[in-house]
Protein backbone atom coordinates (compact mmCIF):
# COMPACT_ATOMS: atom_id res chain seq x y z
CA MET A 1 31.75 56.47 157.78
CA LYS A 2 28.38 56.70 156.68
CA THR A 3 28.33 53.01 155.55
CA LYS A 4 29.03 52.06 159.24
CA ILE A 5 26.03 54.07 160.32
CA ILE A 6 23.89 52.23 157.67
CA ILE A 7 25.23 48.91 158.85
CA ILE A 8 24.25 49.77 162.41
CA ILE A 9 20.92 50.67 161.52
CA THR A 10 20.33 47.64 159.47
CA CYS A 11 21.56 45.41 162.40
CA PHE A 12 19.19 47.07 164.75
CA ALA A 13 16.28 46.65 162.51
CA SER A 14 17.02 43.14 162.04
CA PHE A 15 17.19 42.64 165.67
CA CYS A 16 13.71 44.42 166.18
CA PHE A 17 12.12 41.79 163.84
CA MET A 18 13.48 38.81 165.09
CA ALA A 19 10.30 37.81 166.70
CA CYS A 20 8.29 38.25 163.46
CA ASP A 21 7.10 35.82 160.97
CA ASN A 22 9.92 34.46 158.95
CA ASP A 23 7.93 34.57 155.59
CA TYR A 24 7.42 38.16 156.43
CA LEU A 25 11.00 38.82 156.79
CA THR A 26 11.77 37.57 153.29
CA ARG A 27 9.06 39.55 151.41
CA TYR A 28 10.70 42.16 148.93
CA PRO A 29 9.06 45.29 147.74
CA LEU A 30 6.95 44.87 144.59
CA ASP A 31 7.27 48.51 143.50
CA SER A 32 11.08 48.92 143.71
CA PRO A 33 14.17 47.07 144.07
CA SER A 34 15.40 45.99 147.04
CA ASN A 35 19.11 45.67 148.49
CA GLU A 36 18.78 41.84 148.33
CA THR A 37 17.33 41.69 144.84
CA PHE A 38 19.09 44.83 143.18
CA LEU A 39 21.46 44.44 140.25
CA THR A 40 19.94 41.73 138.34
CA ASN A 41 19.79 43.21 134.88
CA GLU A 42 21.27 46.06 132.66
CA GLU A 43 18.80 48.67 133.58
CA GLU A 44 19.58 48.33 137.48
CA LEU A 45 23.37 48.16 136.81
CA GLU A 46 22.88 51.49 134.93
CA MET A 47 20.80 53.08 137.60
CA ALA A 48 23.30 52.01 140.26
CA VAL A 49 26.23 53.51 138.26
CA THR A 50 24.14 56.74 137.85
CA GLY A 51 23.72 56.67 141.61
CA VAL A 52 27.71 56.95 141.83
CA TYR A 53 27.61 59.84 139.50
CA ASN A 54 25.24 61.59 141.64
CA ALA A 55 27.66 61.73 144.47
CA LEU A 56 29.53 64.24 142.40
CA TRP A 57 26.69 66.65 142.73
CA TYR A 58 27.52 67.52 146.42
CA SER A 59 27.59 71.13 147.26
CA TYR A 60 28.76 72.94 150.31
CA SER A 61 27.26 76.48 151.13
CA GLY A 62 25.87 76.57 147.60
CA THR A 63 28.96 75.73 145.66
CA PRO A 64 29.74 72.40 143.98
CA PHE A 65 32.49 70.81 146.46
CA ALA A 66 35.21 70.59 143.73
CA LEU A 67 35.43 74.44 143.54
CA THR A 68 35.15 75.18 147.42
CA PHE A 69 38.99 74.25 148.21
CA ASP A 70 40.05 77.56 146.96
CA TYR A 71 38.35 79.42 149.70
CA ALA A 72 40.77 77.84 152.09
CA SER A 73 43.67 78.88 150.01
CA ASP A 74 45.47 82.10 149.55
CA ILE A 75 43.51 83.52 146.54
CA GLY A 76 39.91 83.40 147.94
CA TRP A 77 37.51 83.68 150.99
CA ASP A 78 34.09 82.44 152.00
CA ARG A 79 32.15 85.44 153.55
CA ASN A 80 29.45 82.89 155.06
CA THR A 81 30.33 82.20 158.74
CA ASN A 82 30.74 78.59 158.48
CA ASP A 83 33.40 76.00 158.89
CA LEU A 84 34.90 76.41 155.33
CA GLN A 85 35.91 80.19 156.67
CA TYR A 86 37.23 78.86 159.78
CA LEU A 87 39.42 76.31 157.96
CA GLY A 88 40.80 78.87 155.70
CA ALA A 89 41.58 81.12 158.64
CA GLY A 90 43.79 78.17 160.06
CA LEU A 91 41.15 77.33 162.79
CA GLY A 92 40.58 73.63 161.65
CA ASN A 93 40.13 70.99 164.23
CA PRO A 94 38.49 67.47 164.37
CA ASN A 95 35.03 68.98 164.94
CA ASN A 96 35.07 71.19 161.80
CA GLY A 97 31.85 70.58 159.75
CA TYR A 98 33.52 70.99 156.37
CA THR A 99 36.06 68.49 156.86
CA ARG A 100 33.59 66.00 158.33
CA GLU A 101 31.03 66.57 155.42
CA ILE A 102 33.58 66.04 152.73
CA TRP A 103 35.00 62.85 154.42
CA ALA A 104 31.45 61.48 154.70
CA GLN A 105 30.46 62.57 151.13
CA LEU A 106 33.56 60.85 149.50
CA TYR A 107 33.06 57.63 151.53
CA LYS A 108 29.41 57.68 150.58
CA GLY A 109 30.43 57.66 146.94
CA ILE A 110 33.18 54.97 147.69
CA SER A 111 30.37 52.97 149.36
CA ARG A 112 28.06 53.04 146.29
CA CYS A 113 31.09 51.86 143.97
CA ASN A 114 31.84 49.12 146.48
CA ASN A 115 28.27 47.93 146.53
CA ILE A 116 28.17 47.68 142.78
CA LEU A 117 31.61 45.81 142.33
CA ASP A 118 30.61 43.34 145.20
CA LYS A 119 27.29 42.45 143.39
CA SER A 120 28.52 42.84 139.63
CA GLU A 121 29.21 39.28 139.22
CA SER A 122 25.60 38.41 139.69
CA VAL A 123 24.78 40.34 136.22
CA LYS A 124 27.97 39.59 134.35
CA GLY A 125 26.35 37.08 132.24
CA VAL A 126 23.28 39.07 131.77
CA VAL A 127 24.51 42.54 130.67
CA PRO A 128 26.25 42.55 127.22
CA GLU A 129 29.92 42.20 127.85
CA ALA A 130 31.07 45.54 126.28
CA LYS A 131 28.32 47.50 128.34
CA PHE A 132 29.10 45.63 131.71
CA ASN A 133 33.04 46.14 131.21
CA GLN A 134 32.09 49.89 130.53
CA LEU A 135 29.83 50.42 133.54
CA ILE A 136 32.22 48.60 135.87
CA ALA A 137 35.19 50.61 134.53
CA GLU A 138 33.26 53.86 135.34
CA THR A 139 32.62 52.63 138.91
CA ARG A 140 36.32 51.99 139.40
CA PHE A 141 37.30 55.46 137.91
CA LEU A 142 34.95 57.37 140.19
CA ARG A 143 36.05 55.25 143.21
CA ALA A 144 39.66 56.29 142.29
CA TYR A 145 38.42 60.05 141.99
CA PHE A 146 36.91 59.87 145.51
CA TYR A 147 40.00 58.31 146.85
CA PHE A 148 42.18 60.85 145.33
CA TYR A 149 40.74 63.73 147.19
CA LEU A 150 40.66 61.66 150.58
CA ASN A 151 44.29 60.92 150.06
CA GLU A 152 45.44 64.55 149.27
CA LEU A 153 43.22 66.21 152.00
CA TYR A 154 43.78 63.79 154.98
CA GLY A 155 46.87 61.77 154.07
CA GLY A 156 46.60 58.03 154.07
CA VAL A 157 42.89 56.83 154.87
CA PRO A 158 41.07 53.49 155.42
CA LEU A 159 41.17 51.74 152.11
CA VAL A 160 37.82 49.90 151.88
CA THR A 161 37.09 48.18 148.63
CA THR A 162 34.06 45.82 149.61
CA MET A 163 30.98 46.51 151.56
CA LEU A 164 31.81 45.81 155.31
CA SER A 165 30.13 43.85 158.10
CA LEU A 166 30.06 45.59 161.43
CA GLU A 167 32.68 43.34 162.61
CA GLU A 168 34.88 44.22 159.79
CA ALA A 169 34.40 48.02 159.98
CA GLN A 170 37.45 48.89 162.19
CA VAL A 171 39.85 49.32 159.29
CA PRO A 172 42.97 51.06 159.98
CA ARG A 173 44.57 54.08 157.78
CA SER A 174 46.63 52.75 154.81
CA THR A 175 49.65 55.07 153.82
CA LYS A 176 49.39 57.81 151.31
CA GLU A 177 51.65 55.85 149.10
CA VAL A 178 49.59 52.76 149.24
CA ILE A 179 46.35 54.71 148.43
CA THR A 180 48.34 56.54 145.57
CA LYS A 181 49.13 53.08 144.03
CA PHE A 182 45.72 51.80 144.41
CA ILE A 183 44.26 54.91 142.59
CA ILE A 184 46.72 54.37 139.67
CA ASP A 185 46.12 50.58 139.46
CA GLU A 186 42.37 51.12 139.37
CA LEU A 187 42.61 53.84 136.63
CA ASP A 188 44.81 51.42 134.47
CA LEU A 189 42.16 48.76 134.91
CA ALA A 190 39.33 51.30 133.93
CA GLU A 191 41.01 52.88 131.07
CA GLU A 192 40.86 49.91 128.72
CA HIS A 193 36.91 49.67 129.01
CA LEU A 194 35.90 53.27 129.29
CA LEU A 195 34.30 54.74 126.19
CA LYS A 196 36.84 56.43 123.81
CA GLU A 197 34.64 59.39 123.25
CA THR A 198 31.75 60.84 125.06
CA SER A 199 28.97 63.08 123.44
CA GLY A 200 25.32 63.47 123.15
CA ALA A 201 23.68 60.91 125.41
CA THR A 202 27.03 59.76 126.72
CA LEU A 203 28.15 63.35 127.64
CA GLY A 204 29.08 63.51 131.31
CA ARG A 205 30.32 59.99 131.49
CA ALA A 206 33.92 59.19 132.19
CA ASN A 207 35.77 58.24 129.16
CA GLN A 208 39.44 57.06 128.64
CA ALA A 209 40.72 60.72 128.39
CA ALA A 210 39.28 61.32 132.02
CA ALA A 211 41.18 58.26 133.40
CA LEU A 212 44.32 59.73 131.91
CA ALA A 213 43.61 63.23 133.21
CA LEU A 214 43.08 61.73 136.78
CA LYS A 215 46.27 59.53 136.63
CA SER A 216 48.16 62.74 135.38
CA ARG A 217 46.90 64.70 138.25
CA VAL A 218 47.40 61.97 140.83
CA ALA A 219 50.94 61.30 139.57
CA LEU A 220 51.87 64.97 139.46
CA TYR A 221 50.67 65.63 143.01
CA ASN A 222 52.68 62.74 144.50
CA LYS A 223 55.93 63.50 142.50
CA GLN A 224 55.69 60.51 140.23
CA TRP A 225 57.04 62.78 137.45
CA GLN A 226 57.59 60.16 134.56
CA LEU A 227 53.98 58.68 135.17
CA ALA A 228 52.53 62.30 135.16
CA VAL A 229 54.51 62.88 131.75
CA ASP A 230 53.40 59.59 130.29
CA ALA A 231 49.67 59.86 131.08
CA SER A 232 49.65 63.73 129.94
CA LYS A 233 51.44 62.76 126.79
CA LYS A 234 49.07 59.96 125.86
CA LEU A 235 46.10 62.17 126.41
CA MET A 236 47.73 64.80 124.32
CA GLU A 237 48.22 62.41 121.69
CA LEU A 238 44.72 61.29 121.44
CA GLY A 239 44.07 64.33 119.35
CA LYS A 240 40.37 64.88 120.55
CA TYR A 241 41.16 67.90 122.82
CA GLN A 242 41.95 71.47 122.04
CA LEU A 243 41.87 74.76 124.05
CA HIS A 244 38.56 76.70 123.88
CA PRO A 245 39.09 79.70 121.66
CA LYS A 246 37.37 82.08 124.22
CA PHE A 247 38.69 81.76 127.75
CA ASP A 248 35.62 83.96 129.09
CA GLU A 249 33.10 81.53 127.32
CA LEU A 250 34.45 78.27 128.83
CA PHE A 251 32.68 78.75 132.00
CA THR A 252 29.33 79.59 130.72
CA TYR A 253 26.52 77.50 129.33
CA ALA A 254 27.77 78.34 125.82
CA GLY A 255 31.06 76.55 126.52
CA GLU A 256 29.64 73.50 128.02
CA LYS A 257 30.25 71.28 124.72
CA SER A 258 33.71 72.64 124.44
CA LYS A 259 36.54 70.16 123.08
CA GLU A 260 38.82 71.55 126.03
CA ILE A 261 36.27 69.84 128.72
CA ILE A 262 37.52 66.38 129.39
CA PHE A 263 35.18 65.52 132.30
CA SER A 264 32.45 67.55 133.97
CA VAL A 265 29.70 67.33 136.50
CA ASN A 266 26.50 67.79 134.51
CA TYR A 267 23.43 69.42 135.72
CA GLN A 268 19.98 69.88 134.44
CA LYS A 269 17.04 71.98 135.71
CA GLY A 270 14.53 69.87 137.23
CA LEU A 271 17.10 67.07 138.02
CA ALA A 272 19.94 68.62 139.70
CA VAL A 273 20.89 72.26 140.39
CA HIS A 274 23.33 74.44 142.39
CA ALA A 275 23.50 77.76 143.77
CA ILE A 276 26.75 79.02 142.27
CA SER A 277 25.32 82.00 140.60
CA MET A 278 23.77 83.11 143.99
CA GLN A 279 27.07 82.91 145.60
CA PHE A 280 29.02 84.73 142.89
CA TYR A 281 26.46 87.30 141.76
CA SER A 282 26.80 90.89 143.03
CA ARG A 283 24.23 92.05 145.55
CA LEU A 284 22.72 94.31 142.73
CA ALA A 285 22.25 91.25 140.72
CA LYS A 286 20.32 89.76 143.64
CA GLY A 287 23.24 87.50 144.67
CA PHE A 288 25.28 86.96 147.97
CA SER A 289 28.72 88.04 146.94
CA GLY A 290 29.65 85.24 149.40
CA LYS A 291 32.64 83.75 147.57
CA ILE A 292 35.25 86.14 146.53
CA PRO A 293 38.84 86.70 145.20
CA VAL A 294 41.22 88.90 147.29
CA GLN A 295 43.54 91.50 146.49
CA THR A 296 46.53 89.45 146.12
CA MET A 297 45.14 87.33 143.36
CA ILE A 298 44.38 90.48 141.47
CA ASP A 299 47.87 91.71 141.88
CA SER A 300 49.46 88.44 140.74
CA TYR A 301 48.50 88.86 136.89
CA GLU A 302 51.06 89.90 134.80
CA CYS A 303 50.75 92.77 132.26
CA ILE A 304 50.40 92.08 128.55
CA ASP A 305 54.16 92.29 127.89
CA GLY A 306 54.47 89.12 130.06
CA LEU A 307 56.10 91.04 133.08
CA PRO A 308 54.75 91.16 136.68
CA ILE A 309 53.40 94.52 137.51
CA ASP A 310 56.44 95.40 139.69
CA LYS A 311 58.63 95.01 136.51
CA SER A 312 56.37 96.00 133.74
CA PRO A 313 56.50 99.80 132.36
CA LEU A 314 52.98 99.15 131.16
CA TYR A 315 51.68 99.04 134.70
CA ASN A 316 49.88 102.42 135.79
CA PRO A 317 49.00 102.52 139.45
CA ALA A 318 46.37 105.02 138.47
CA LYS A 319 44.69 102.49 136.00
CA PRO A 320 45.82 99.20 137.61
CA PHE A 321 43.42 96.86 135.51
CA ALA A 322 44.85 98.21 132.26
CA ASN A 323 47.17 96.37 130.02
CA ARG A 324 46.82 93.20 132.17
CA ASP A 325 46.76 89.50 131.20
CA PRO A 326 43.23 89.18 129.75
CA ARG A 327 42.49 86.36 132.11
CA LEU A 328 42.30 88.80 134.93
CA ASN A 329 39.15 90.29 133.49
CA PHE A 330 37.88 87.07 132.41
CA SER A 331 38.13 85.36 135.76
CA ILE A 332 37.54 88.17 138.00
CA VAL A 333 34.93 91.08 138.19
CA LEU A 334 36.75 94.31 138.26
CA PRO A 335 35.41 97.78 139.19
CA GLN A 336 34.00 99.72 136.46
CA THR A 337 33.15 96.52 134.29
CA ILE A 338 29.78 95.31 133.37
CA PHE A 339 28.68 92.26 135.33
CA ILE A 340 25.08 90.81 134.91
CA ASN A 341 24.09 93.81 132.88
CA TYR A 342 25.06 96.18 135.85
CA MET A 343 27.99 98.45 136.14
CA PHE A 344 29.93 96.77 138.84
CA GLU A 345 31.48 99.68 141.28
CA THR A 346 32.33 99.43 144.82
CA HIS A 347 33.76 102.88 145.57
CA PRO A 348 31.73 104.25 148.44
CA ASP A 349 30.74 107.36 146.68
CA SER A 350 29.05 105.46 143.95
CA LEU A 351 25.49 105.36 145.49
CA GLN A 352 24.18 104.94 142.16
CA THR A 353 25.25 102.85 138.95
CA TRP A 354 24.01 101.75 135.60
CA ASN A 355 21.43 99.21 134.93
CA TYR A 356 22.04 97.75 131.53
CA ASN A 357 18.93 95.49 131.73
CA THR A 358 16.69 98.45 130.44
CA ASN A 359 17.04 99.97 126.98
CA PRO A 360 18.00 102.85 127.26
CA ARG A 361 20.15 102.19 130.44
CA THR A 362 19.03 103.65 133.54
CA ARG A 363 20.53 104.72 136.96
CA VAL A 364 19.74 102.61 140.05
CA SER A 365 20.73 102.52 143.71
CA ASN A 366 24.05 100.73 144.01
CA THR A 367 23.59 97.94 146.55
CA ASP A 368 27.27 96.63 146.07
CA VAL A 369 28.08 99.89 148.01
CA THR A 370 25.11 100.20 150.58
CA ASN A 371 24.66 96.63 151.40
CA ALA A 372 26.61 95.55 154.58
CA TYR A 373 27.28 91.98 153.00
CA ALA A 374 28.36 93.04 149.70
CA THR A 375 31.78 91.74 148.63
CA PHE A 376 34.35 92.46 151.24
CA SER A 377 37.44 92.52 148.77
CA GLY A 378 35.83 94.86 146.13
CA TYR A 379 35.95 92.03 143.55
CA LEU A 380 33.79 89.05 142.54
CA TRP A 381 34.37 85.88 140.50
CA ARG A 382 33.32 85.89 136.88
CA LYS A 383 33.82 82.23 136.03
CA TYR A 384 30.58 80.33 136.35
CA ALA A 385 28.55 83.34 136.91
CA ASP A 386 26.47 83.28 133.82
CA VAL A 387 24.14 86.09 133.03
CA ALA A 388 21.46 83.52 131.96
CA ASP A 389 20.93 82.53 135.55
CA LYS A 390 20.03 86.24 136.43
CA ASP A 391 16.21 85.52 136.91
CA ASP A 392 16.77 82.35 139.15
CA PRO A 393 20.41 82.50 140.49
CA ALA A 394 19.58 79.81 143.05
CA ASN A 395 19.06 77.31 140.65
CA SER A 396 21.96 77.29 138.26
CA SER A 397 22.50 74.07 136.06
CA ILE A 398 25.85 75.20 134.58
CA ASN A 399 28.10 72.16 134.36
CA ILE A 400 31.18 72.22 136.67
CA ILE A 401 34.39 71.39 134.92
CA LEU A 402 36.49 68.78 136.78
CA PHE A 403 39.34 68.17 134.11
CA ARG A 404 40.24 70.14 131.24
CA TYR A 405 42.72 70.14 128.49
CA ALA A 406 44.89 73.09 129.61
CA GLU A 407 45.57 71.35 133.10
CA THR A 408 46.92 68.24 130.98
CA LEU A 409 49.19 70.65 129.16
CA LEU A 410 50.60 72.24 132.25
CA ASN A 411 50.81 69.01 134.04
CA TYR A 412 53.01 67.56 131.31
CA ALA A 413 55.20 70.61 131.47
CA GLU A 414 55.46 70.72 135.09
CA ALA A 415 56.53 66.92 135.29
CA LYS A 416 59.18 67.42 132.56
CA ILE A 417 60.49 70.59 134.51
CA GLU A 418 60.80 68.51 137.75
CA LEU A 419 62.62 65.76 135.62
CA ASN A 420 64.95 68.60 134.43
CA GLN A 421 64.01 67.25 130.91
CA ILE A 422 63.57 70.69 129.49
CA ASP A 423 62.94 70.65 125.85
CA GLU A 424 60.89 72.20 123.11
CA SER A 425 57.67 70.30 124.20
CA VAL A 426 57.77 72.03 127.63
CA TYR A 427 57.77 75.53 125.99
CA ALA A 428 55.18 74.40 123.60
CA ALA A 429 52.68 73.02 126.31
CA ILE A 430 53.15 76.23 128.40
CA ASN A 431 52.95 78.67 125.42
CA THR A 432 49.89 76.97 124.09
CA VAL A 433 48.03 77.81 126.99
CA ARG A 434 49.25 81.30 127.01
CA GLN A 435 48.71 81.90 123.51
CA ARG A 436 45.12 80.88 123.50
CA PRO A 437 43.12 83.09 121.09
CA GLY A 438 41.76 86.06 123.13
CA VAL A 439 44.45 85.54 125.87
CA ALA A 440 47.69 85.85 123.69
CA MET A 441 50.13 86.45 126.46
CA PRO A 442 53.73 86.54 125.13
CA THR A 443 55.43 83.26 124.82
CA ILE A 444 58.01 81.96 127.19
CA GLN A 445 61.31 82.14 125.41
CA ASN A 446 63.58 79.07 125.23
CA GLY A 447 66.81 79.09 127.36
CA LYS A 448 65.46 79.15 130.84
CA ASN A 449 66.80 76.80 133.55
CA GLN A 450 64.66 74.41 135.95
CA ALA A 451 64.30 77.11 138.60
CA GLU A 452 63.14 79.82 136.29
CA LEU A 453 60.68 77.48 134.56
CA ARG A 454 59.59 76.35 138.00
CA SER A 455 58.45 79.85 138.57
CA VAL A 456 56.83 80.08 135.10
CA ILE A 457 54.76 77.03 135.57
CA ARG A 458 53.71 77.80 139.34
CA ARG A 459 52.51 81.50 138.12
CA GLU A 460 50.61 80.13 135.07
CA ARG A 461 48.62 77.72 136.99
CA LYS A 462 47.66 80.56 139.38
CA TYR A 463 46.52 82.72 136.39
CA GLU A 464 44.79 79.93 134.53
CA PHE A 465 43.02 77.96 137.25
CA ALA A 466 41.95 80.65 139.69
CA ALA A 467 38.50 79.70 141.27
CA GLU A 468 38.57 76.06 139.95
CA GLY A 469 39.72 74.27 143.23
CA LEU A 470 43.24 73.61 142.20
CA ARG A 471 45.02 76.31 144.12
CA PHE A 472 44.43 74.74 147.40
CA PHE A 473 46.48 71.62 146.44
CA ASP A 474 49.10 73.37 144.45
CA ILE A 475 50.33 75.49 147.24
CA ARG A 476 50.41 72.35 149.54
CA ARG A 477 52.16 70.25 147.10
CA TRP A 478 54.72 73.01 146.39
CA ASN A 479 55.30 73.24 150.17
CA ILE A 480 54.50 76.99 150.10
CA ALA A 481 51.13 77.11 151.94
CA HIS A 482 53.02 78.19 155.13
CA GLU A 483 54.44 81.04 153.35
CA VAL A 484 51.33 82.41 151.39
CA ILE A 485 48.57 81.87 153.66
CA PRO A 486 49.48 83.35 157.15
CA GLY A 487 48.83 87.05 157.75
CA LYS A 488 46.28 89.55 156.60
CA LEU A 489 43.76 88.53 153.94
CA LEU A 490 43.32 91.89 151.97
CA GLY A 491 40.62 93.59 150.08
CA ARG A 492 40.96 96.68 147.89
CA ILE A 493 41.34 100.13 149.08
CA ARG A 494 37.63 101.37 148.73
CA THR A 495 38.64 104.94 147.92
CA GLU A 496 41.80 104.95 145.88
CA PHE A 497 44.08 102.45 144.20
CA LEU A 498 47.52 101.17 145.43
CA SER A 499 50.05 103.98 145.10
CA SER A 500 52.55 101.67 143.50
CA ALA A 501 53.02 98.00 142.45
CA PRO A 502 53.78 95.53 145.22
CA ARG A 503 56.74 93.29 144.97
CA ILE A 504 55.80 90.03 143.30
CA ASP A 505 57.92 87.16 144.05
CA GLU A 506 58.88 84.09 141.98
CA ASN A 507 55.53 82.20 142.88
CA ALA A 508 53.42 85.26 141.79
CA THR A 509 52.72 86.25 145.49
CA PRO A 510 52.45 90.02 146.06
CA HIS A 511 54.31 91.70 149.00
CA TYR A 512 53.23 95.22 150.19
CA GLU A 513 56.02 96.33 152.37
CA ASN A 514 57.17 98.97 149.63
CA VAL A 515 53.52 100.39 148.94
CA GLN A 516 53.13 103.58 150.60
CA ASN A 517 49.32 103.32 151.27
CA ALA A 518 48.99 99.55 151.75
CA ASP A 519 47.85 100.11 155.30
CA LYS A 520 44.59 101.45 153.92
CA MET A 521 43.56 98.12 152.24
CA ARG A 522 40.67 96.26 153.87
CA VAL A 523 41.71 93.57 156.34
CA ILE A 524 39.18 90.88 155.66
CA GLU A 525 40.58 88.57 158.22
CA THR A 526 43.89 87.60 159.80
CA ARG A 527 44.91 84.03 159.01
CA THR A 528 47.38 81.60 160.64
CA PHE A 529 48.91 78.31 159.08
CA ASP A 530 50.66 75.94 161.27
CA LYS A 531 53.22 74.21 159.20
CA SER A 532 53.25 71.28 161.69
CA LYS A 533 49.80 70.36 161.20
CA ASP A 534 47.87 72.29 158.42
CA TYR A 535 49.22 70.60 155.46
CA LEU A 536 46.49 67.79 156.32
CA TRP A 537 43.30 67.99 157.44
CA PRO A 538 42.04 66.45 160.73
CA ILE A 539 40.18 63.14 160.76
CA PRO A 540 36.88 63.87 161.98
CA ARG A 541 36.44 63.15 165.50
CA LEU A 542 33.11 61.13 164.85
CA GLU A 543 35.11 58.82 162.62
CA MET A 544 37.76 58.35 165.43
CA GLU A 545 35.09 57.45 167.84
CA VAL A 546 33.49 54.94 165.55
CA ASN A 547 36.85 53.38 164.28
CA GLN A 548 39.12 52.84 167.31
CA ASN A 549 41.65 51.72 165.00
CA LEU A 550 42.03 55.21 163.08
CA VAL A 551 45.19 57.47 164.20
CA GLN A 552 44.82 61.12 164.06
CA ASN A 553 46.95 63.30 161.97
CA PRO A 554 49.80 65.07 163.78
CA ASN A 555 49.16 67.88 166.24
CA TYR A 556 45.32 67.76 166.20
């Protein structure tokens, strides 16, 4: 862990100065706090907690880390030749840089939390009690959030709750169950003292609803169904959150203060930015088209009658994007739609396209066809690609949503379904999401059994949360990753559409064995998934070498 490296450096520095004058050694910086004197007042405690929030800003390959996981799932691909791409292809190993960086960044955040909690007693009587309790609660929430990712990605990990000396640093792994209990206990401690509401100057801080949202997710992912129901229901009964009336607006600057957003990572030009617009934009809009959806994601969405495309009479293979769940177009840039004020088209004959940045519109060369590194699938993500960033796409400051109310509703419904407690509240939660204004998909009718509703909720989560980083975890906790990932990762046929609808299974996964021209689809890459190991990430080799008490995950 990074903390170990810091400890080693500190010890080495101390050794180097042993021959120096003792008075010199005890001198502290006059222009900034030192580690020995830090946390003596309210301002410094605020600064320290802000430093923990800063750990949420970590980006990989230009994308905030919470969103990156879907590119190692069945719905997306990272065009950049890097360790995230290798991981998605089933080529993960203990030397993988992506898994190593995620581990290091999460433990960096945990280390900052531990440092605050270790030193908090020194300011307990100095900082006003309510403020002190709030900041400590935020620290506990963030530590729980970091451990949540470690636990789900690697399985049980070293549970470190204090700053360690070099002699104490050989911490073995705790079990996944122990880490899960620790997270839930921390959230219980934090919830009481977190702010009840956040807005204005407190926007971006964790509040009580955020603790409930994280508890709901942790419980759901670990099959603690009743706890997931209870946490979700308590959040729902707060009465402070509701679905945003415009799904497509939610992931733009205009939606940043939506009542649907429970907790987000806040960015501000000049202080913190990311390059998500650069990654998502088309080549014509001066983007990289680097992180993209694939054909199976497009074919998953239902028609507006609520039926999958292989069952709906509304599906027309000659016009495959017509009469579809509006979230398809709200989430994904489809051919012949306007994106960043250009007509997006990937047919190879479309050497020119329309530019709507001029008045009147003009014809321009279509680099989304001619550039060798334009989207490999024929599609792009629309979520988080705001046109407001078009003049500086490498410096987006759009906030990234970590928890939103739609997830709470679907968590509640799924946990109730798994308990086989199917009542009106289950249908109400699902249909509230489906009936959002502007989406208005048909309601799920009463009378379904547990297996049928399990299929409904899995489909709904796929449509609702595409590109938000949740799909990676969903297919693992449902134990279907070994079914949906292996094989050819597909893009569109460049010169035509599929001749017929593929077969759509109960998990909304398309199968193309019945499609006559399926062999014309672009094969982006061929993926593997080893069921005996790939449900967990490998412990990074560096960590195994530093900590001799770590045990590697099976078959790595």
